[in-house]
Amino acid sequence: MSETSTDAHLAYLERAVRLAGDNVAAGGGPFAALVVAEGTLVSLGVNQVTSTHDPTAHAEIVAIRRACAELATFSLRGAVLYCSCEPCPMCLAASMWARVAAVYYAADRHDAERAGFDDSALYALLSSPRESWPQPVRSLRTPRASAPFDAWLAHGARVDY
C-alpha cells in the first residue's frame, strides 16, 4: 500500500459520507463505501439492503464485490476500504477475506446504534459464549463432514485464497 496523506484519507471519507447522505435522500440506508487501489478510486457502494431485498447488500460488501469484478480478482491486497460508518462484523470480515490493506471509517458503531442499527449488539454478541446467543449455532458433525476439504486438497487445479 502506498503512503496516503491524512488529507487524502479524509477526502475519501468525506466522499463516502456524502454518498451515504445521497443514498438516504434516494430512499436507501445511511451507509456508503469506496475501494481505492494504488491511489485510484476503483468502486463505490451504497447500502442496498431494502432496495434489493438482500440483507448482505451492505455498502462495504457492494463496494468490495464491484472492485473485485472491476479488477477481475478476488484479492484486493493493497487496496483501502473507506466507509461512511464503522463496518459491521460481516463487512469487517469481508474486508479481511478480500485482503484489503486498511479500513478507514468516519462515524462509529455508536452513531449507527443511535440511528437504530444494531452493530453494537452484534459486536457484543460475537464476544459472548455461543450458548447464550438467541439463535442456535451448533456443530453437528456428519461422517463425511471433511470430505469437501479433502477433495479441495486433492484438486490439482485449485486456486488458493
N, C-alpha and C. Protein backbone atom coordinates (compact mmCIF):
# COMPACT_ATOMS: atom_id res chain seq x y z
N MET A 1 0.85 -1.18 0.00
CA MET A 1 0.00 0.00 0.00
C MET A 1 0.89 1.23 0.00
N SER A 2 0.62 2.16 -0.89
CA SER A 2 1.41 3.38 -0.92
C SER A 2 0.97 4.28 0.23
N GLU A 3 1.90 5.12 0.65
CA GLU A 3 1.62 6.04 1.74
C GLU A 3 0.61 7.08 1.27
N THR A 4 -0.45 7.22 2.02
CA THR A 4 -1.51 8.16 1.68
C THR A 4 -1.58 9.20 2.78
N SER A 5 -1.73 10.44 2.42
CA SER A 5 -1.77 11.51 3.41
C SER A 5 -3.09 11.49 4.17
N THR A 6 -3.05 12.04 5.36
CA THR A 6 -4.28 12.16 6.16
C THR A 6 -5.33 12.94 5.39
N ASP A 7 -4.91 13.99 4.67
CA ASP A 7 -5.86 14.77 3.89
C ASP A 7 -6.55 13.92 2.82
N ALA A 8 -5.80 13.02 2.18
CA ALA A 8 -6.40 12.14 1.17
C ALA A 8 -7.38 11.17 1.81
N HIS A 9 -7.01 10.61 2.97
CA HIS A 9 -7.93 9.73 3.69
C HIS A 9 -9.22 10.47 4.02
N LEU A 10 -9.07 11.69 4.53
CA LEU A 10 -10.25 12.48 4.91
C LEU A 10 -11.11 12.82 3.69
N ALA A 11 -10.48 13.09 2.56
CA ALA A 11 -11.24 13.40 1.34
C ALA A 11 -12.06 12.19 0.90
N TYR A 12 -11.46 11.00 0.95
CA TYR A 12 -12.21 9.79 0.59
C TYR A 12 -13.35 9.55 1.57
N LEU A 13 -13.09 9.77 2.86
CA LEU A 13 -14.14 9.59 3.86
C LEU A 13 -15.26 10.59 3.67
N GLU A 14 -14.93 11.83 3.35
CA GLU A 14 -15.97 12.84 3.09
C GLU A 14 -16.82 12.43 1.89
N ARG A 15 -16.17 11.86 0.88
CA ARG A 15 -16.93 11.40 -0.28
C ARG A 15 -17.89 10.27 0.11
N ALA A 16 -17.40 9.36 0.95
CA ALA A 16 -18.27 8.27 1.41
C ALA A 16 -19.44 8.81 2.22
N VAL A 17 -19.18 9.79 3.08
CA VAL A 17 -20.25 10.38 3.89
C VAL A 17 -21.28 11.07 2.99
N ARG A 18 -20.81 11.82 1.99
CA ARG A 18 -21.75 12.47 1.05
C ARG A 18 -22.57 11.44 0.30
N LEU A 19 -21.93 10.38 -0.15
CA LEU A 19 -22.61 9.32 -0.88
C LEU A 19 -23.67 8.65 0.01
N ALA A 20 -23.35 8.46 1.28
CA ALA A 20 -24.31 7.87 2.23
C ALA A 20 -25.52 8.79 2.39
N GLY A 21 -25.27 10.09 2.50
CA GLY A 21 -26.38 11.05 2.60
C GLY A 21 -27.23 11.05 1.35
N ASP A 22 -26.59 10.97 0.19
CA ASP A 22 -27.34 10.89 -1.07
C ASP A 22 -28.19 9.63 -1.12
N ASN A 23 -27.66 8.53 -0.56
CA ASN A 23 -28.41 7.27 -0.56
C ASN A 23 -29.65 7.38 0.33
N VAL A 24 -29.53 8.08 1.44
CA VAL A 24 -30.69 8.31 2.30
C VAL A 24 -31.75 9.11 1.53
N ALA A 25 -31.30 10.17 0.85
CA ALA A 25 -32.23 11.01 0.07
C ALA A 25 -32.94 10.20 -1.01
N ALA A 26 -32.26 9.15 -1.52
CA ALA A 26 -32.84 8.30 -2.57
C ALA A 26 -33.67 7.15 -1.99
N GLY A 27 -33.80 7.11 -0.66
CA GLY A 27 -34.61 6.08 -0.03
C GLY A 27 -33.85 4.89 0.51
N GLY A 28 -32.51 4.96 0.48
CA GLY A 28 -31.69 3.85 0.98
C GLY A 28 -31.17 4.10 2.37
N GLY A 29 -30.31 3.21 2.81
CA GLY A 29 -29.72 3.32 4.14
C GLY A 29 -28.56 4.30 4.18
N PRO A 30 -28.19 4.74 5.40
CA PRO A 30 -27.18 5.78 5.57
C PRO A 30 -25.73 5.27 5.55
N PHE A 31 -25.41 4.44 4.58
CA PHE A 31 -24.07 3.85 4.52
C PHE A 31 -23.53 3.88 3.10
N ALA A 32 -22.23 4.16 2.99
CA ALA A 32 -21.56 4.13 1.69
C ALA A 32 -20.10 3.71 1.92
N ALA A 33 -19.49 3.19 0.87
CA ALA A 33 -18.09 2.76 0.95
C ALA A 33 -17.41 2.94 -0.40
N LEU A 34 -16.10 3.11 -0.34
CA LEU A 34 -15.27 3.27 -1.54
C LEU A 34 -14.10 2.29 -1.43
N VAL A 35 -13.68 1.75 -2.54
CA VAL A 35 -12.45 0.97 -2.61
C VAL A 35 -11.47 1.74 -3.47
N VAL A 36 -10.29 1.98 -2.91
CA VAL A 36 -9.23 2.71 -3.60
C VAL A 36 -8.01 1.81 -3.69
N ALA A 37 -7.49 1.65 -4.89
CA ALA A 37 -6.30 0.83 -5.11
C ALA A 37 -5.26 1.66 -5.85
N GLU A 38 -4.06 1.68 -5.33
CA GLU A 38 -2.95 2.42 -5.93
C GLU A 38 -3.34 3.87 -6.22
N GLY A 39 -4.06 4.47 -5.29
CA GLY A 39 -4.44 5.87 -5.41
C GLY A 39 -5.58 6.14 -6.38
N THR A 40 -6.21 5.09 -6.90
CA THR A 40 -7.29 5.26 -7.86
C THR A 40 -8.59 4.70 -7.27
N LEU A 41 -9.65 5.48 -7.38
CA LEU A 41 -10.96 5.01 -6.95
C LEU A 41 -11.40 3.89 -7.87
N VAL A 42 -11.62 2.70 -7.32
CA VAL A 42 -11.99 1.54 -8.12
C VAL A 42 -13.49 1.33 -8.11
N SER A 43 -14.12 1.52 -6.94
CA SER A 43 -15.56 1.26 -6.87
C SER A 43 -16.21 2.04 -5.74
N LEU A 44 -17.51 2.20 -5.89
CA LEU A 44 -18.36 2.82 -4.88
C LEU A 44 -19.44 1.81 -4.52
N GLY A 45 -19.93 1.90 -3.30
CA GLY A 45 -21.05 1.06 -2.91
C GLY A 45 -21.91 1.81 -1.91
N VAL A 46 -23.20 1.64 -2.03
CA VAL A 46 -24.13 2.18 -1.05
C VAL A 46 -24.98 1.04 -0.52
N ASN A 47 -25.55 1.24 0.64
CA ASN A 47 -26.41 0.23 1.24
C ASN A 47 -27.60 -0.02 0.33
N GLN A 48 -27.82 -1.30 -0.03
CA GLN A 48 -28.91 -1.69 -0.91
C GLN A 48 -29.78 -2.78 -0.28
N VAL A 49 -29.75 -2.87 1.03
CA VAL A 49 -30.47 -3.93 1.73
C VAL A 49 -31.95 -3.92 1.38
N THR A 50 -32.60 -2.77 1.53
CA THR A 50 -34.05 -2.72 1.29
C THR A 50 -34.38 -2.67 -0.19
N SER A 51 -33.55 -2.02 -1.00
CA SER A 51 -33.88 -1.89 -2.42
C SER A 51 -33.71 -3.21 -3.18
N THR A 52 -32.81 -4.08 -2.70
CA THR A 52 -32.58 -5.35 -3.39
C THR A 52 -33.10 -6.56 -2.60
N HIS A 53 -33.68 -6.28 -1.44
CA HIS A 53 -34.19 -7.35 -0.56
C HIS A 53 -33.09 -8.34 -0.23
N ASP A 54 -31.90 -7.80 0.05
CA ASP A 54 -30.72 -8.62 0.31
C ASP A 54 -30.06 -8.13 1.59
N PRO A 55 -30.16 -8.89 2.69
CA PRO A 55 -29.58 -8.45 3.95
C PRO A 55 -28.05 -8.36 3.94
N THR A 56 -27.42 -8.92 2.91
CA THR A 56 -25.95 -8.83 2.80
C THR A 56 -25.51 -7.66 1.93
N ALA A 57 -26.43 -6.90 1.38
CA ALA A 57 -26.07 -5.82 0.45
C ALA A 57 -25.69 -4.53 1.19
N HIS A 58 -24.80 -4.69 2.15
CA HIS A 58 -24.26 -3.53 2.86
C HIS A 58 -23.31 -2.79 1.91
N ALA A 59 -23.11 -1.52 2.16
CA ALA A 59 -22.28 -0.69 1.28
C ALA A 59 -20.89 -1.28 1.06
N GLU A 60 -20.29 -1.77 2.14
CA GLU A 60 -18.93 -2.31 2.02
C GLU A 60 -18.91 -3.55 1.15
N ILE A 61 -19.89 -4.42 1.33
CA ILE A 61 -19.98 -5.65 0.52
C ILE A 61 -20.18 -5.28 -0.95
N VAL A 62 -21.08 -4.33 -1.21
CA VAL A 62 -21.33 -3.89 -2.59
C VAL A 62 -20.05 -3.33 -3.20
N ALA A 63 -19.33 -2.48 -2.46
CA ALA A 63 -18.10 -1.88 -2.97
C ALA A 63 -17.03 -2.95 -3.22
N ILE A 64 -16.90 -3.90 -2.31
CA ILE A 64 -15.91 -4.97 -2.47
C ILE A 64 -16.26 -5.83 -3.69
N ARG A 65 -17.52 -6.20 -3.83
CA ARG A 65 -17.93 -7.02 -4.99
C ARG A 65 -17.64 -6.29 -6.29
N ARG A 66 -17.97 -5.01 -6.34
CA ARG A 66 -17.73 -4.23 -7.56
C ARG A 66 -16.24 -4.09 -7.85
N ALA A 67 -15.45 -3.86 -6.82
CA ALA A 67 -14.00 -3.72 -7.02
C ALA A 67 -13.41 -5.02 -7.54
N CYS A 68 -13.80 -6.12 -6.97
CA CYS A 68 -13.29 -7.42 -7.43
C CYS A 68 -13.69 -7.69 -8.87
N ALA A 69 -14.94 -7.34 -9.22
CA ALA A 69 -15.38 -7.52 -10.61
C ALA A 69 -14.60 -6.61 -11.54
N GLU A 70 -14.41 -5.37 -11.14
CA GLU A 70 -13.69 -4.39 -11.97
C GLU A 70 -12.24 -4.82 -12.20
N LEU A 71 -11.61 -5.34 -11.15
CA LEU A 71 -10.20 -5.73 -11.23
C LEU A 71 -10.01 -7.20 -11.63
N ALA A 72 -11.12 -7.92 -11.78
CA ALA A 72 -11.10 -9.35 -12.16
C ALA A 72 -10.21 -10.16 -11.22
N THR A 73 -10.47 -9.99 -9.92
CA THR A 73 -9.72 -10.72 -8.90
C THR A 73 -10.57 -10.86 -7.65
N PHE A 74 -10.23 -11.83 -6.82
CA PHE A 74 -10.92 -11.96 -5.54
C PHE A 74 -10.08 -11.37 -4.41
N SER A 75 -8.89 -10.90 -4.74
CA SER A 75 -8.00 -10.32 -3.73
C SER A 75 -7.82 -8.83 -3.98
N LEU A 76 -8.14 -8.06 -2.96
CA LEU A 76 -7.92 -6.61 -3.03
C LEU A 76 -6.70 -6.21 -2.22
N ARG A 77 -5.72 -7.11 -2.20
CA ARG A 77 -4.48 -6.86 -1.46
C ARG A 77 -3.89 -5.51 -1.87
N GLY A 78 -3.63 -4.68 -0.89
CA GLY A 78 -3.07 -3.37 -1.15
C GLY A 78 -4.11 -2.27 -1.27
N ALA A 79 -5.36 -2.63 -1.47
CA ALA A 79 -6.42 -1.62 -1.61
C ALA A 79 -6.86 -1.12 -0.23
N VAL A 80 -7.55 0.00 -0.23
CA VAL A 80 -8.06 0.59 1.00
C VAL A 80 -9.58 0.72 0.88
N LEU A 81 -10.27 0.37 1.96
CA LEU A 81 -11.72 0.49 2.03
C LEU A 81 -12.05 1.69 2.91
N TYR A 82 -12.78 2.64 2.35
CA TYR A 82 -13.23 3.83 3.08
C TYR A 82 -14.74 3.71 3.29
N CYS A 83 -15.17 3.86 4.54
CA CYS A 83 -16.57 3.64 4.89
C CYS A 83 -17.15 4.86 5.59
N SER A 84 -18.39 5.16 5.29
CA SER A 84 -19.05 6.28 5.97
C SER A 84 -19.26 5.97 7.45
N CYS A 85 -19.30 4.68 7.80
CA CYS A 85 -19.50 4.27 9.19
C CYS A 85 -18.65 3.03 9.47
N GLU A 86 -18.33 2.81 10.71
CA GLU A 86 -17.58 1.63 11.12
C GLU A 86 -18.25 0.37 10.57
N PRO A 87 -17.52 -0.48 9.91
CA PRO A 87 -18.12 -1.69 9.34
C PRO A 87 -18.69 -2.61 10.42
N CYS A 88 -19.82 -3.22 10.10
CA CYS A 88 -20.40 -4.23 10.99
C CYS A 88 -19.48 -5.46 10.93
N PRO A 89 -19.70 -6.44 11.80
CA PRO A 89 -18.84 -7.63 11.77
C PRO A 89 -18.82 -8.34 10.42
N MET A 90 -19.95 -8.42 9.72
CA MET A 90 -19.98 -9.07 8.41
C MET A 90 -19.08 -8.33 7.42
N CYS A 91 -19.18 -7.02 7.40
CA CYS A 91 -18.40 -6.22 6.45
C CYS A 91 -16.92 -6.21 6.81
N LEU A 92 -16.65 -6.19 8.10
CA LEU A 92 -15.25 -6.26 8.54
C LEU A 92 -14.64 -7.59 8.12
N ALA A 93 -15.40 -8.67 8.30
CA ALA A 93 -14.92 -9.98 7.86
C ALA A 93 -14.71 -10.01 6.35
N ALA A 94 -15.64 -9.42 5.59
CA ALA A 94 -15.50 -9.39 4.12
C ALA A 94 -14.24 -8.63 3.73
N SER A 95 -13.95 -7.54 4.43
CA SER A 95 -12.74 -6.77 4.09
C SER A 95 -11.49 -7.59 4.37
N MET A 96 -11.54 -8.41 5.42
CA MET A 96 -10.40 -9.27 5.73
C MET A 96 -10.27 -10.39 4.70
N TRP A 97 -11.41 -11.00 4.30
CA TRP A 97 -11.36 -12.04 3.28
C TRP A 97 -10.86 -11.48 1.95
N ALA A 98 -11.19 -10.22 1.67
CA ALA A 98 -10.74 -9.58 0.43
C ALA A 98 -9.28 -9.14 0.52
N ARG A 99 -8.73 -9.21 1.70
CA ARG A 99 -7.32 -8.86 1.94
C ARG A 99 -7.02 -7.37 1.74
N VAL A 100 -8.01 -6.50 2.01
CA VAL A 100 -7.71 -5.08 1.89
C VAL A 100 -6.62 -4.72 2.89
N ALA A 101 -5.82 -3.74 2.55
CA ALA A 101 -4.68 -3.36 3.37
C ALA A 101 -5.10 -2.54 4.59
N ALA A 102 -6.18 -1.77 4.45
CA ALA A 102 -6.62 -0.91 5.55
C ALA A 102 -8.09 -0.57 5.39
N VAL A 103 -8.72 -0.28 6.50
CA VAL A 103 -10.12 0.16 6.53
C VAL A 103 -10.15 1.45 7.33
N TYR A 104 -10.75 2.49 6.74
CA TYR A 104 -10.95 3.76 7.43
C TYR A 104 -12.44 4.05 7.46
N TYR A 105 -12.92 4.57 8.58
CA TYR A 105 -14.34 4.90 8.67
C TYR A 105 -14.53 6.24 9.37
N ALA A 106 -15.67 6.87 9.08
CA ALA A 106 -15.99 8.19 9.65
C ALA A 106 -16.80 8.03 10.94
N ALA A 107 -18.09 7.73 10.84
CA ALA A 107 -18.92 7.53 12.02
C ALA A 107 -18.58 6.18 12.64
N ASP A 108 -19.02 5.95 13.88
CA ASP A 108 -18.74 4.66 14.51
C ASP A 108 -20.02 3.91 14.86
N ARG A 109 -19.86 2.74 15.45
CA ARG A 109 -20.99 1.87 15.78
C ARG A 109 -21.99 2.54 16.72
N HIS A 110 -21.52 3.48 17.54
CA HIS A 110 -22.40 4.17 18.46
C HIS A 110 -23.31 5.16 17.72
N ASP A 111 -22.77 5.79 16.69
CA ASP A 111 -23.60 6.64 15.83
C ASP A 111 -24.67 5.80 15.14
N ALA A 112 -24.28 4.63 14.65
CA ALA A 112 -25.23 3.73 13.99
C ALA A 112 -26.30 3.26 14.97
N GLU A 113 -25.88 2.94 16.18
CA GLU A 113 -26.84 2.47 17.20
C GLU A 113 -27.86 3.57 17.51
N ARG A 114 -27.41 4.81 17.60
CA ARG A 114 -28.30 5.94 17.87
C ARG A 114 -29.37 6.06 16.79
N ALA A 115 -29.02 5.65 15.57
CA ALA A 115 -29.96 5.72 14.44
C ALA A 115 -30.79 4.44 14.29
N GLY A 116 -30.62 3.50 15.21
CA GLY A 116 -31.44 2.29 15.18
C GLY A 116 -30.79 1.07 14.56
N PHE A 117 -29.51 1.13 14.23
CA PHE A 117 -28.80 -0.01 13.65
C PHE A 117 -28.09 -0.78 14.76
N ASP A 118 -28.11 -2.10 14.69
CA ASP A 118 -27.68 -2.93 15.82
C ASP A 118 -26.25 -3.44 15.73
N ASP A 119 -25.36 -2.69 15.11
CA ASP A 119 -23.97 -3.11 15.00
C ASP A 119 -23.34 -3.37 16.37
N SER A 120 -23.60 -2.49 17.34
CA SER A 120 -23.04 -2.67 18.69
C SER A 120 -23.52 -3.98 19.29
N ALA A 121 -24.79 -4.30 19.09
CA ALA A 121 -25.34 -5.54 19.63
C ALA A 121 -24.65 -6.75 18.98
N LEU A 122 -24.36 -6.66 17.69
CA LEU A 122 -23.68 -7.77 17.01
C LEU A 122 -22.26 -7.94 17.53
N TYR A 123 -21.56 -6.82 17.73
CA TYR A 123 -20.21 -6.91 18.28
C TYR A 123 -20.25 -7.54 19.68
N ALA A 124 -21.21 -7.14 20.51
CA ALA A 124 -21.34 -7.70 21.85
C ALA A 124 -21.68 -9.18 21.79
N LEU A 125 -22.60 -9.55 20.90
CA LEU A 125 -22.99 -10.95 20.76
C LEU A 125 -21.80 -11.82 20.39
N LEU A 126 -20.99 -11.36 19.43
CA LEU A 126 -19.86 -12.17 18.97
C LEU A 126 -18.81 -12.38 20.06
N SER A 127 -18.79 -11.51 21.06
CA SER A 127 -17.83 -11.67 22.14
C SER A 127 -18.40 -12.48 23.31
N SER A 128 -19.66 -12.92 23.19
CA SER A 128 -20.29 -13.71 24.26
C SER A 128 -20.27 -15.19 23.88
N PRO A 129 -20.43 -16.08 24.87
CA PRO A 129 -20.46 -17.52 24.57
C PRO A 129 -21.63 -17.89 23.64
N ARG A 130 -21.39 -18.75 22.69
CA ARG A 130 -22.44 -19.14 21.73
C ARG A 130 -23.68 -19.71 22.41
N GLU A 131 -23.50 -20.32 23.55
CA GLU A 131 -24.64 -20.90 24.25
C GLU A 131 -25.65 -19.83 24.67
N SER A 132 -25.20 -18.58 24.76
CA SER A 132 -26.09 -17.50 25.19
C SER A 132 -26.74 -16.77 24.01
N TRP A 133 -26.39 -17.15 22.80
CA TRP A 133 -26.94 -16.47 21.63
C TRP A 133 -28.42 -16.80 21.46
N PRO A 134 -29.21 -15.85 20.95
CA PRO A 134 -30.63 -16.12 20.75
C PRO A 134 -30.91 -17.10 19.61
N GLN A 135 -29.98 -17.21 18.68
CA GLN A 135 -30.12 -18.13 17.55
C GLN A 135 -29.12 -19.25 17.74
N PRO A 136 -29.57 -20.50 17.76
CA PRO A 136 -28.61 -21.60 17.94
C PRO A 136 -27.59 -21.66 16.79
N VAL A 137 -26.34 -21.79 17.16
CA VAL A 137 -25.25 -22.01 16.20
C VAL A 137 -24.46 -23.18 16.77
N ARG A 138 -24.73 -24.36 16.25
CA ARG A 138 -24.18 -25.59 16.82
C ARG A 138 -23.57 -26.46 15.74
N SER A 139 -22.53 -27.17 16.12
CA SER A 139 -21.91 -28.13 15.22
C SER A 139 -22.57 -29.49 15.39
N LEU A 140 -22.99 -30.08 14.28
CA LEU A 140 -23.48 -31.46 14.25
C LEU A 140 -22.67 -32.18 13.18
N ARG A 141 -21.62 -32.80 13.61
CA ARG A 141 -20.67 -33.40 12.69
C ARG A 141 -21.26 -34.63 12.00
N THR A 142 -21.13 -34.68 10.68
CA THR A 142 -21.56 -35.84 9.91
C THR A 142 -20.34 -36.70 9.59
N PRO A 143 -20.53 -37.96 9.22
CA PRO A 143 -19.38 -38.83 8.93
C PRO A 143 -18.49 -38.29 7.81
N ARG A 144 -19.06 -37.58 6.84
CA ARG A 144 -18.26 -37.08 5.71
C ARG A 144 -18.05 -35.57 5.77
N ALA A 145 -18.11 -35.01 6.94
CA ALA A 145 -18.02 -33.56 7.10
C ALA A 145 -16.77 -32.96 6.45
N SER A 146 -15.65 -33.64 6.53
CA SER A 146 -14.41 -33.09 5.99
C SER A 146 -14.14 -33.50 4.54
N ALA A 147 -15.03 -34.27 3.92
CA ALA A 147 -14.82 -34.74 2.55
C ALA A 147 -14.62 -33.60 1.54
N PRO A 148 -15.39 -32.51 1.60
CA PRO A 148 -15.14 -31.43 0.64
C PRO A 148 -13.73 -30.82 0.78
N PHE A 149 -13.21 -30.78 2.00
CA PHE A 149 -11.86 -30.24 2.21
C PHE A 149 -10.80 -31.20 1.71
N ASP A 150 -11.05 -32.50 1.88
CA ASP A 150 -10.14 -33.49 1.31
C ASP A 150 -10.11 -33.38 -0.21
N ALA A 151 -11.29 -33.21 -0.81
CA ALA A 151 -11.38 -33.04 -2.27
C ALA A 151 -10.64 -31.78 -2.70
N TRP A 152 -10.79 -30.72 -1.94
CA TRP A 152 -10.11 -29.45 -2.23
C TRP A 152 -8.60 -29.66 -2.22
N LEU A 153 -8.10 -30.30 -1.18
CA LEU A 153 -6.66 -30.51 -1.06
C LEU A 153 -6.12 -31.39 -2.18
N ALA A 154 -6.93 -32.31 -2.66
CA ALA A 154 -6.51 -33.22 -3.73
C ALA A 154 -6.66 -32.63 -5.12
N HIS A 155 -7.39 -31.54 -5.23
CA HIS A 155 -7.67 -30.93 -6.54
C HIS A 155 -6.43 -30.16 -7.02
N GLY A 156 -5.82 -30.65 -8.06
CA GLY A 156 -4.57 -30.06 -8.55
C GLY A 156 -4.72 -28.68 -9.16
N ALA A 157 -5.88 -28.34 -9.64
CA ALA A 157 -6.07 -27.05 -10.31
C ALA A 157 -6.75 -26.00 -9.40
N ARG A 158 -6.76 -26.27 -8.10
CA ARG A 158 -7.42 -25.31 -7.20
C ARG A 158 -6.67 -23.97 -7.20
N VAL A 159 -7.41 -22.93 -6.93
CA VAL A 159 -6.84 -21.59 -6.79
C VAL A 159 -6.88 -21.25 -5.31
N ASP A 160 -5.73 -21.28 -4.67
CA ASP A 160 -5.69 -20.97 -3.25
C ASP A 160 -6.04 -19.53 -2.99
N TYR A 161 -6.76 -19.33 -1.93
CA TYR A 161 -7.05 -17.98 -1.48
C TYR A 161 -7.02 -17.95 0.00
